[in-house]
mmCIF file of all heavy atoms, coordinates in Angstrom:
data_MODEL
# 
_entry.id   MODEL 
# 
loop_
_atom_site.group_PDB 
_atom_site.id 
_atom_site.type_symbol 
_atom_site.label_atom_id 
_atom_site.label_alt_id 
_atom_site.label_comp_id 
_atom_site.label_asym_id 
_atom_site.label_entity_id 
_atom_site.label_seq_id 
_atom_site.pdbx_PDB_ins_code 
_atom_site.Cartn_x 
_atom_site.Cartn_y 
_atom_site.Cartn_z 
_atom_site.occupancy 
_atom_site.B_iso_or_equiv 
_atom_site.pdbx_formal_charge 
_atom_site.auth_seq_id 
_atom_site.auth_comp_id 
_atom_site.auth_asym_id 
_atom_site.auth_atom_id 
_atom_site.pdbx_PDB_model_num 
ATOM 1   N N   . ASP A 1 1  ? -27.341 75.382 1.424  1.00 0.00 ? 1  ASP A N   1 
ATOM 2   C CA  . ASP A 1 1  ? -28.657 75.965 2.023  1.00 0.00 ? 1  ASP A CA  1 
ATOM 3   C C   . ASP A 1 1  ? -28.514 77.464 1.919  1.00 0.00 ? 1  ASP A C   1 
ATOM 4   O O   . ASP A 1 1  ? -27.697 78.106 2.541  1.00 0.00 ? 1  ASP A O   1 
ATOM 5   C CB  . ASP A 1 1  ? -28.623 75.485 3.472  1.00 0.00 ? 1  ASP A CB  1 
ATOM 6   C CG  . ASP A 1 1  ? -29.971 75.988 4.227  1.00 0.00 ? 1  ASP A CG  1 
ATOM 7   O OD1 . ASP A 1 1  ? -30.519 77.000 3.873  1.00 0.00 ? 1  ASP A OD1 1 
ATOM 8   O OD2 . ASP A 1 1  ? -30.262 75.288 5.198  1.00 0.00 ? 1  ASP A OD2 1 
ATOM 9   N N   . GLN A 1 2  ? -29.413 78.060 1.115  1.00 0.00 ? 2  GLN A N   1 
ATOM 10  C CA  . GLN A 1 2  ? -29.377 79.497 0.855  1.00 0.00 ? 2  GLN A CA  1 
ATOM 11  C C   . GLN A 1 2  ? -29.635 80.244 2.115  1.00 0.00 ? 2  GLN A C   1 
ATOM 12  O O   . GLN A 1 2  ? -29.048 81.386 2.208  1.00 0.00 ? 2  GLN A O   1 
ATOM 13  C CB  . GLN A 1 2  ? -30.331 79.882 -0.304 1.00 0.00 ? 2  GLN A CB  1 
ATOM 14  C CG  . GLN A 1 2  ? -31.792 79.989 0.011  1.00 0.00 ? 2  GLN A CG  1 
ATOM 15  C CD  . GLN A 1 2  ? -32.447 78.638 0.109  1.00 0.00 ? 2  GLN A CD  1 
ATOM 16  O OE1 . GLN A 1 2  ? -31.870 77.629 -0.243 1.00 0.00 ? 2  GLN A OE1 1 
ATOM 17  N NE2 . GLN A 1 2  ? -33.650 78.600 0.618  1.00 0.00 ? 2  GLN A NE2 1 
ATOM 18  N N   . ALA A 1 3  ? -30.476 79.897 3.029  1.00 0.00 ? 3  ALA A N   1 
ATOM 19  C CA  . ALA A 1 3  ? -30.791 80.660 4.213  1.00 0.00 ? 3  ALA A CA  1 
ATOM 20  C C   . ALA A 1 3  ? -29.565 80.649 5.084  1.00 0.00 ? 3  ALA A C   1 
ATOM 21  O O   . ALA A 1 3  ? -29.276 81.653 5.718  1.00 0.00 ? 3  ALA A O   1 
ATOM 22  C CB  . ALA A 1 3  ? -31.987 79.972 4.902  1.00 0.00 ? 3  ALA A CB  1 
ATOM 23  N N   . GLN A 1 4  ? -28.874 79.527 5.137  1.00 0.00 ? 4  GLN A N   1 
ATOM 24  C CA  . GLN A 1 4  ? -27.635 79.466 5.904  1.00 0.00 ? 4  GLN A CA  1 
ATOM 25  C C   . GLN A 1 4  ? -26.582 80.443 5.360  1.00 0.00 ? 4  GLN A C   1 
ATOM 26  O O   . GLN A 1 4  ? -25.889 81.146 6.119  1.00 0.00 ? 4  GLN A O   1 
ATOM 27  C CB  . GLN A 1 4  ? -27.149 78.035 5.931  1.00 0.00 ? 4  GLN A CB  1 
ATOM 28  C CG  . GLN A 1 4  ? -25.885 77.871 6.804  1.00 0.00 ? 4  GLN A CG  1 
ATOM 29  C CD  . GLN A 1 4  ? -25.416 76.394 6.768  1.00 0.00 ? 4  GLN A CD  1 
ATOM 30  O OE1 . GLN A 1 4  ? -24.139 76.155 6.662  1.00 0.00 ? 4  GLN A OE1 1 
ATOM 31  N NE2 . GLN A 1 4  ? -26.352 75.477 6.865  1.00 0.00 ? 4  GLN A NE2 1 
ATOM 32  N N   . ALA A 1 5  ? -26.416 80.454 4.053  1.00 0.00 ? 5  ALA A N   1 
ATOM 33  C CA  . ALA A 1 5  ? -25.503 81.309 3.408  1.00 0.00 ? 5  ALA A CA  1 
ATOM 34  C C   . ALA A 1 5  ? -25.812 82.794 3.707  1.00 0.00 ? 5  ALA A C   1 
ATOM 35  O O   . ALA A 1 5  ? -24.913 83.608 3.965  1.00 0.00 ? 5  ALA A O   1 
ATOM 36  C CB  . ALA A 1 5  ? -25.426 81.071 1.856  1.00 0.00 ? 5  ALA A CB  1 
ATOM 37  N N   . ILE A 1 6  ? -27.051 83.161 3.538  1.00 0.00 ? 6  ILE A N   1 
ATOM 38  C CA  . ILE A 1 6  ? -27.444 84.547 3.882  1.00 0.00 ? 6  ILE A CA  1 
ATOM 39  C C   . ILE A 1 6  ? -27.280 84.835 5.351  1.00 0.00 ? 6  ILE A C   1 
ATOM 40  O O   . ILE A 1 6  ? -26.740 85.969 5.699  1.00 0.00 ? 6  ILE A O   1 
ATOM 41  C CB  . ILE A 1 6  ? -29.033 84.750 3.528  1.00 0.00 ? 6  ILE A CB  1 
ATOM 42  C CG1 . ILE A 1 6  ? -29.266 84.704 2.064  1.00 0.00 ? 6  ILE A CG1 1 
ATOM 43  C CG2 . ILE A 1 6  ? -29.512 86.039 4.110  1.00 0.00 ? 6  ILE A CG2 1 
ATOM 44  C CD1 . ILE A 1 6  ? -30.686 84.565 1.634  1.00 0.00 ? 6  ILE A CD1 1 
ATOM 45  N N   . ALA A 1 7  ? -27.514 83.975 6.260  1.00 0.00 ? 7  ALA A N   1 
ATOM 46  C CA  . ALA A 1 7  ? -27.373 84.168 7.675  1.00 0.00 ? 7  ALA A CA  1 
ATOM 47  C C   . ALA A 1 7  ? -25.838 84.380 8.069  1.00 0.00 ? 7  ALA A C   1 
ATOM 48  O O   . ALA A 1 7  ? -25.505 85.212 8.908  1.00 0.00 ? 7  ALA A O   1 
ATOM 49  C CB  . ALA A 1 7  ? -27.950 83.078 8.438  1.00 0.00 ? 7  ALA A CB  1 
ATOM 50  N N   . ARG A 1 8  ? -25.048 83.552 7.407  1.00 0.00 ? 8  ARG A N   1 
ATOM 51  C CA  . ARG A 1 8  ? -23.532 83.706 7.653  1.00 0.00 ? 8  ARG A CA  1 
ATOM 52  C C   . ARG A 1 8  ? -22.994 85.006 7.262  1.00 0.00 ? 8  ARG A C   1 
ATOM 53  O O   . ARG A 1 8  ? -22.169 85.629 7.955  1.00 0.00 ? 8  ARG A O   1 
ATOM 54  C CB  . ARG A 1 8  ? -22.799 82.583 6.999  1.00 0.00 ? 8  ARG A CB  1 
ATOM 55  C CG  . ARG A 1 8  ? -23.033 81.226 7.641  1.00 0.00 ? 8  ARG A CG  1 
ATOM 56  C CD  . ARG A 1 8  ? -22.080 80.115 7.195  1.00 0.00 ? 8  ARG A CD  1 
ATOM 57  N NE  . ARG A 1 8  ? -22.369 78.833 7.692  1.00 0.00 ? 8  ARG A NE  1 
ATOM 58  C CZ  . ARG A 1 8  ? -22.179 78.445 8.943  1.00 0.00 ? 8  ARG A CZ  1 
ATOM 59  N NH1 . ARG A 1 8  ? -21.632 79.299 9.886  1.00 0.00 ? 8  ARG A NH1 1 
ATOM 60  N NH2 . ARG A 1 8  ? -22.464 77.224 9.357  1.00 0.00 ? 8  ARG A NH2 1 
ATOM 61  N N   . GLU A 1 9  ? -23.420 85.593 6.184  1.00 0.00 ? 9  GLU A N   1 
ATOM 62  C CA  . GLU A 1 9  ? -22.951 86.907 5.721  1.00 0.00 ? 9  GLU A CA  1 
ATOM 63  C C   . GLU A 1 9  ? -23.488 87.998 6.691  1.00 0.00 ? 9  GLU A C   1 
ATOM 64  O O   . GLU A 1 9  ? -22.844 88.904 7.022  1.00 0.00 ? 9  GLU A O   1 
ATOM 65  C CB  . GLU A 1 9  ? -23.343 87.123 4.242  1.00 0.00 ? 9  GLU A CB  1 
ATOM 66  C CG  . GLU A 1 9  ? -22.948 88.542 3.713  1.00 0.00 ? 9  GLU A CG  1 
ATOM 67  C CD  . GLU A 1 9  ? -21.470 88.733 3.687  1.00 0.00 ? 9  GLU A CD  1 
ATOM 68  O OE1 . GLU A 1 9  ? -20.691 87.735 3.729  1.00 0.00 ? 9  GLU A OE1 1 
ATOM 69  O OE2 . GLU A 1 9  ? -21.076 89.978 3.656  1.00 0.00 ? 9  GLU A OE2 1 
ATOM 70  N N   . ALA A 1 10 ? -24.813 87.825 7.016  1.00 0.00 ? 10 ALA A N   1 
ATOM 71  C CA  . ALA A 1 10 ? -25.368 88.850 7.946  1.00 0.00 ? 10 ALA A CA  1 
ATOM 72  C C   . ALA A 1 10 ? -24.663 88.769 9.278  1.00 0.00 ? 10 ALA A C   1 
ATOM 73  O O   . ALA A 1 10 ? -24.409 89.785 9.950  1.00 0.00 ? 10 ALA A O   1 
ATOM 74  C CB  . ALA A 1 10 ? -26.882 88.529 8.149  1.00 0.00 ? 10 ALA A CB  1 
ATOM 75  N N   . SER A 1 11 ? -24.421 87.599 9.706  1.00 0.00 ? 11 SER A N   1 
ATOM 76  C CA  . SER A 1 11 ? -23.688 87.359 10.975 1.00 0.00 ? 11 SER A CA  1 
ATOM 77  C C   . SER A 1 11 ? -22.305 88.082 10.956 1.00 0.00 ? 11 SER A C   1 
ATOM 78  O O   . SER A 1 11 ? -21.942 88.701 11.912 1.00 0.00 ? 11 SER A O   1 
ATOM 79  C CB  . SER A 1 11 ? -23.450 85.820 11.257 1.00 0.00 ? 11 SER A CB  1 
ATOM 80  O OG  . SER A 1 11 ? -22.552 85.615 12.263 1.00 0.00 ? 11 SER A OG  1 
ATOM 81  N N   . ARG A 1 12 ? -21.557 87.886 9.812  1.00 0.00 ? 12 ARG A N   1 
ATOM 82  C CA  . ARG A 1 12 ? -20.222 88.466 9.753  1.00 0.00 ? 12 ARG A CA  1 
ATOM 83  C C   . ARG A 1 12 ? -20.277 89.931 9.820  1.00 0.00 ? 12 ARG A C   1 
ATOM 84  O O   . ARG A 1 12 ? -19.498 90.671 10.460 1.00 0.00 ? 12 ARG A O   1 
ATOM 85  C CB  . ARG A 1 12 ? -19.665 88.027 8.385  1.00 0.00 ? 12 ARG A CB  1 
ATOM 86  C CG  . ARG A 1 12 ? -18.233 88.483 8.208  1.00 0.00 ? 12 ARG A CG  1 
ATOM 87  C CD  . ARG A 1 12 ? -17.683 88.025 6.843  1.00 0.00 ? 12 ARG A CD  1 
ATOM 88  N NE  . ARG A 1 12 ? -18.274 88.881 5.786  1.00 0.00 ? 12 ARG A NE  1 
ATOM 89  C CZ  . ARG A 1 12 ? -17.795 90.043 5.439  1.00 0.00 ? 12 ARG A CZ  1 
ATOM 90  N NH1 . ARG A 1 12 ? -16.906 90.655 6.136  1.00 0.00 ? 12 ARG A NH1 1 
ATOM 91  N NH2 . ARG A 1 12 ? -18.357 90.743 4.401  1.00 0.00 ? 12 ARG A NH2 1 
ATOM 92  N N   . ARG A 1 13 ? -21.362 90.569 9.190  1.00 0.00 ? 13 ARG A N   1 
ATOM 93  C CA  . ARG A 1 13 ? -21.425 92.023 9.198  1.00 0.00 ? 13 ARG A CA  1 
ATOM 94  C C   . ARG A 1 13 ? -21.981 92.620 10.475 1.00 0.00 ? 13 ARG A C   1 
ATOM 95  O O   . ARG A 1 13 ? -21.698 93.714 10.800 1.00 0.00 ? 13 ARG A O   1 
ATOM 96  C CB  . ARG A 1 13 ? -22.371 92.464 7.979  1.00 0.00 ? 13 ARG A CB  1 
ATOM 97  C CG  . ARG A 1 13 ? -21.647 92.266 6.673  1.00 0.00 ? 13 ARG A CG  1 
ATOM 98  C CD  . ARG A 1 13 ? -22.520 92.570 5.485  1.00 0.00 ? 13 ARG A CD  1 
ATOM 99  N NE  . ARG A 1 13 ? -21.775 92.674 4.251  1.00 0.00 ? 13 ARG A NE  1 
ATOM 100 C CZ  . ARG A 1 13 ? -21.407 93.652 3.709  1.00 0.00 ? 13 ARG A CZ  1 
ATOM 101 N NH1 . ARG A 1 13 ? -21.602 94.911 4.268  1.00 0.00 ? 13 ARG A NH1 1 
ATOM 102 N NH2 . ARG A 1 13 ? -20.721 93.614 2.575  1.00 0.00 ? 13 ARG A NH2 1 
ATOM 103 N N   . LEU A 1 14 ? -22.866 91.854 11.138 1.00 0.00 ? 14 LEU A N   1 
ATOM 104 C CA  . LEU A 1 14 ? -23.517 92.343 12.347 1.00 0.00 ? 14 LEU A CA  1 
ATOM 105 C C   . LEU A 1 14 ? -22.825 91.994 13.680 1.00 0.00 ? 14 LEU A C   1 
ATOM 106 O O   . LEU A 1 14 ? -23.058 92.479 14.708 1.00 0.00 ? 14 LEU A O   1 
ATOM 107 C CB  . LEU A 1 14 ? -24.971 91.887 12.383 1.00 0.00 ? 14 LEU A CB  1 
ATOM 108 C CG  . LEU A 1 14 ? -25.851 92.430 11.281 1.00 0.00 ? 14 LEU A CG  1 
ATOM 109 C CD1 . LEU A 1 14 ? -27.259 91.651 11.348 1.00 0.00 ? 14 LEU A CD1 1 
ATOM 110 C CD2 . LEU A 1 14 ? -26.053 93.886 11.376 1.00 0.00 ? 14 LEU A CD2 1 
ATOM 111 N N   . GLY A 1 15 ? -21.987 90.934 13.552 1.00 0.00 ? 15 GLY A N   1 
ATOM 112 C CA  . GLY A 1 15 ? -21.206 90.400 14.767 1.00 0.00 ? 15 GLY A CA  1 
ATOM 113 C C   . GLY A 1 15 ? -22.229 89.691 15.671 1.00 0.00 ? 15 GLY A C   1 
ATOM 114 O O   . GLY A 1 15 ? -21.963 89.589 16.860 1.00 0.00 ? 15 GLY A O   1 
ATOM 115 N N   . ILE A 1 16 ? -23.245 89.085 15.125 1.00 0.00 ? 16 ILE A N   1 
ATOM 116 C CA  . ILE A 1 16 ? -24.126 88.215 15.884 1.00 0.00 ? 16 ILE A CA  1 
ATOM 117 C C   . ILE A 1 16 ? -23.824 86.751 15.473 1.00 0.00 ? 16 ILE A C   1 
ATOM 118 O O   . ILE A 1 16 ? -23.755 86.450 14.305 1.00 0.00 ? 16 ILE A O   1 
ATOM 119 C CB  . ILE A 1 16 ? -25.631 88.608 15.526 1.00 0.00 ? 16 ILE A CB  1 
ATOM 120 C CG1 . ILE A 1 16 ? -25.886 90.009 15.816 1.00 0.00 ? 16 ILE A CG1 1 
ATOM 121 C CG2 . ILE A 1 16 ? -26.522 87.598 16.349 1.00 0.00 ? 16 ILE A CG2 1 
ATOM 122 C CD1 . ILE A 1 16 ? -27.359 90.433 15.314 1.00 0.00 ? 16 ILE A CD1 1 
ATOM 123 N N   . PRO A 1 17 ? -23.604 85.887 16.439 1.00 0.00 ? 17 PRO A N   1 
ATOM 124 C CA  . PRO A 1 17 ? -23.250 84.507 16.020 1.00 0.00 ? 17 PRO A CA  1 
ATOM 125 C C   . PRO A 1 17 ? -24.418 83.823 15.323 1.00 0.00 ? 17 PRO A C   1 
ATOM 126 O O   . PRO A 1 17 ? -25.578 84.152 15.421 1.00 0.00 ? 17 PRO A O   1 
ATOM 127 C CB  . PRO A 1 17 ? -23.077 83.873 17.489 1.00 0.00 ? 17 PRO A CB  1 
ATOM 128 C CG  . PRO A 1 17 ? -22.881 84.923 18.404 1.00 0.00 ? 17 PRO A CG  1 
ATOM 129 C CD  . PRO A 1 17 ? -23.597 86.132 17.870 1.00 0.00 ? 17 PRO A CD  1 
ATOM 130 N N   . VAL A 1 18 ? -24.054 82.976 14.454 1.00 0.00 ? 18 VAL A N   1 
ATOM 131 C CA  . VAL A 1 18 ? -25.031 82.045 13.722 1.00 0.00 ? 18 VAL A CA  1 
ATOM 132 C C   . VAL A 1 18 ? -24.862 80.628 14.161 1.00 0.00 ? 18 VAL A C   1 
ATOM 133 O O   . VAL A 1 18 ? -23.755 80.216 14.254 1.00 0.00 ? 18 VAL A O   1 
ATOM 134 C CB  . VAL A 1 18 ? -24.904 82.294 12.184 1.00 0.00 ? 18 VAL A CB  1 
ATOM 135 C CG1 . VAL A 1 18 ? -23.468 81.937 11.663 1.00 0.00 ? 18 VAL A CG1 1 
ATOM 136 C CG2 . VAL A 1 18 ? -26.011 81.503 11.452 1.00 0.00 ? 18 VAL A CG2 1 
ATOM 137 N N   . ASP A 1 19 ? -25.868 79.900 14.351 1.00 0.00 ? 19 ASP A N   1 
ATOM 138 C CA  . ASP A 1 19 ? -25.748 78.486 14.633 1.00 0.00 ? 19 ASP A CA  1 
ATOM 139 C C   . ASP A 1 19 ? -26.676 77.701 13.608 1.00 0.00 ? 19 ASP A C   1 
ATOM 140 O O   . ASP A 1 19 ? -27.860 77.775 13.658 1.00 0.00 ? 19 ASP A O   1 
ATOM 141 C CB  . ASP A 1 19 ? -26.340 78.169 16.040 1.00 0.00 ? 19 ASP A CB  1 
ATOM 142 C CG  . ASP A 1 19 ? -25.944 76.747 16.460 1.00 0.00 ? 19 ASP A CG  1 
ATOM 143 O OD1 . ASP A 1 19 ? -25.770 75.878 15.619 1.00 0.00 ? 19 ASP A OD1 1 
ATOM 144 O OD2 . ASP A 1 19 ? -25.978 76.471 17.721 1.00 0.00 ? 19 ASP A OD2 1 
ATOM 145 N N   . ALA A 1 20 ? -25.927 77.120 12.610 1.00 0.00 ? 20 ALA A N   1 
ATOM 146 C CA  . ALA A 1 20 ? -26.627 76.445 11.508 1.00 0.00 ? 20 ALA A CA  1 
ATOM 147 C C   . ALA A 1 20 ? -26.944 74.973 11.910 1.00 0.00 ? 20 ALA A C   1 
ATOM 148 O O   . ALA A 1 20 ? -27.546 74.164 11.152 1.00 0.00 ? 20 ALA A O   1 
ATOM 149 C CB  . ALA A 1 20 ? -25.845 76.478 10.281 1.00 0.00 ? 20 ALA A CB  1 
ATOM 150 N N   . HIS A 1 21 ? -26.559 74.591 13.155 1.00 0.00 ? 21 HIS A N   1 
ATOM 151 C CA  . HIS A 1 21 ? -26.765 73.138 13.496 1.00 0.00 ? 21 HIS A CA  1 
ATOM 152 C C   . HIS A 1 21 ? -27.710 73.018 14.683 1.00 0.00 ? 21 HIS A C   1 
ATOM 153 O O   . HIS A 1 21 ? -27.873 71.893 15.182 1.00 0.00 ? 21 HIS A O   1 
ATOM 154 C CB  . HIS A 1 21 ? -25.451 72.444 13.792 1.00 0.00 ? 21 HIS A CB  1 
ATOM 155 C CG  . HIS A 1 21 ? -24.430 72.599 12.672 1.00 0.00 ? 21 HIS A CG  1 
ATOM 156 N ND1 . HIS A 1 21 ? -24.521 71.918 11.473 1.00 0.00 ? 21 HIS A ND1 1 
ATOM 157 C CD2 . HIS A 1 21 ? -23.323 73.513 12.496 1.00 0.00 ? 21 HIS A CD2 1 
ATOM 158 C CE1 . HIS A 1 21 ? -23.597 72.261 10.702 1.00 0.00 ? 21 HIS A CE1 1 
ATOM 159 N NE2 . HIS A 1 21 ? -22.829 73.200 11.294 1.00 0.00 ? 21 HIS A NE2 1 
ATOM 160 N N   . ALA A 1 22 ? -28.240 74.107 15.215 1.00 0.00 ? 22 ALA A N   1 
ATOM 161 C CA  . ALA A 1 22 ? -29.116 74.066 16.391 1.00 0.00 ? 22 ALA A CA  1 
ATOM 162 C C   . ALA A 1 22 ? -30.378 73.356 16.084 1.00 0.00 ? 22 ALA A C   1 
ATOM 163 O O   . ALA A 1 22 ? -30.968 72.593 16.897 1.00 0.00 ? 22 ALA A O   1 
ATOM 164 C CB  . ALA A 1 22 ? -29.403 75.414 16.853 1.00 0.00 ? 22 ALA A CB  1 
ATOM 165 N N   . CYS A 1 23 ? -30.884 73.513 14.807 1.00 0.00 ? 23 CYS A N   1 
ATOM 166 C CA  . CYS A 1 23 ? -32.208 72.982 14.444 1.00 0.00 ? 23 CYS A CA  1 
ATOM 167 C C   . CYS A 1 23 ? -32.019 72.140 13.150 1.00 0.00 ? 23 CYS A C   1 
ATOM 168 O O   . CYS A 1 23 ? -31.146 72.349 12.404 1.00 0.00 ? 23 CYS A O   1 
ATOM 169 C CB  . CYS A 1 23 ? -33.206 74.121 14.135 1.00 0.00 ? 23 CYS A CB  1 
ATOM 170 S SG  . CYS A 1 23 ? -33.449 75.124 15.614 1.00 0.00 ? 23 CYS A SG  1 
ATOM 171 N N   . ARG A 1 24 ? -32.943 71.200 13.084 1.00 0.00 ? 24 ARG A N   1 
ATOM 172 C CA  . ARG A 1 24 ? -32.864 70.260 11.889 1.00 0.00 ? 24 ARG A CA  1 
ATOM 173 C C   . ARG A 1 24 ? -34.296 70.038 11.343 1.00 0.00 ? 24 ARG A C   1 
ATOM 174 O O   . ARG A 1 24 ? -35.248 70.001 12.053 1.00 0.00 ? 24 ARG A O   1 
ATOM 175 C CB  . ARG A 1 24 ? -32.338 68.881 12.300 1.00 0.00 ? 24 ARG A CB  1 
ATOM 176 C CG  . ARG A 1 24 ? -32.176 67.953 11.193 1.00 0.00 ? 24 ARG A CG  1 
ATOM 177 C CD  . ARG A 1 24 ? -31.310 66.706 11.686 1.00 0.00 ? 24 ARG A CD  1 
ATOM 178 N NE  . ARG A 1 24 ? -31.295 65.661 10.619 1.00 0.00 ? 24 ARG A NE  1 
ATOM 179 C CZ  . ARG A 1 24 ? -31.690 64.421 10.865 1.00 0.00 ? 24 ARG A CZ  1 
ATOM 180 N NH1 . ARG A 1 24 ? -32.123 64.012 12.009 1.00 0.00 ? 24 ARG A NH1 1 
ATOM 181 N NH2 . ARG A 1 24 ? -31.645 63.604 9.802  1.00 0.00 ? 24 ARG A NH2 1 
# 
């Protein structure tokens, strides 16, 4: 999932948690 991959890198750099399983 490209949106998930982008969000995970942004999360790592910003220190904001990412939840890829909250929504389906």
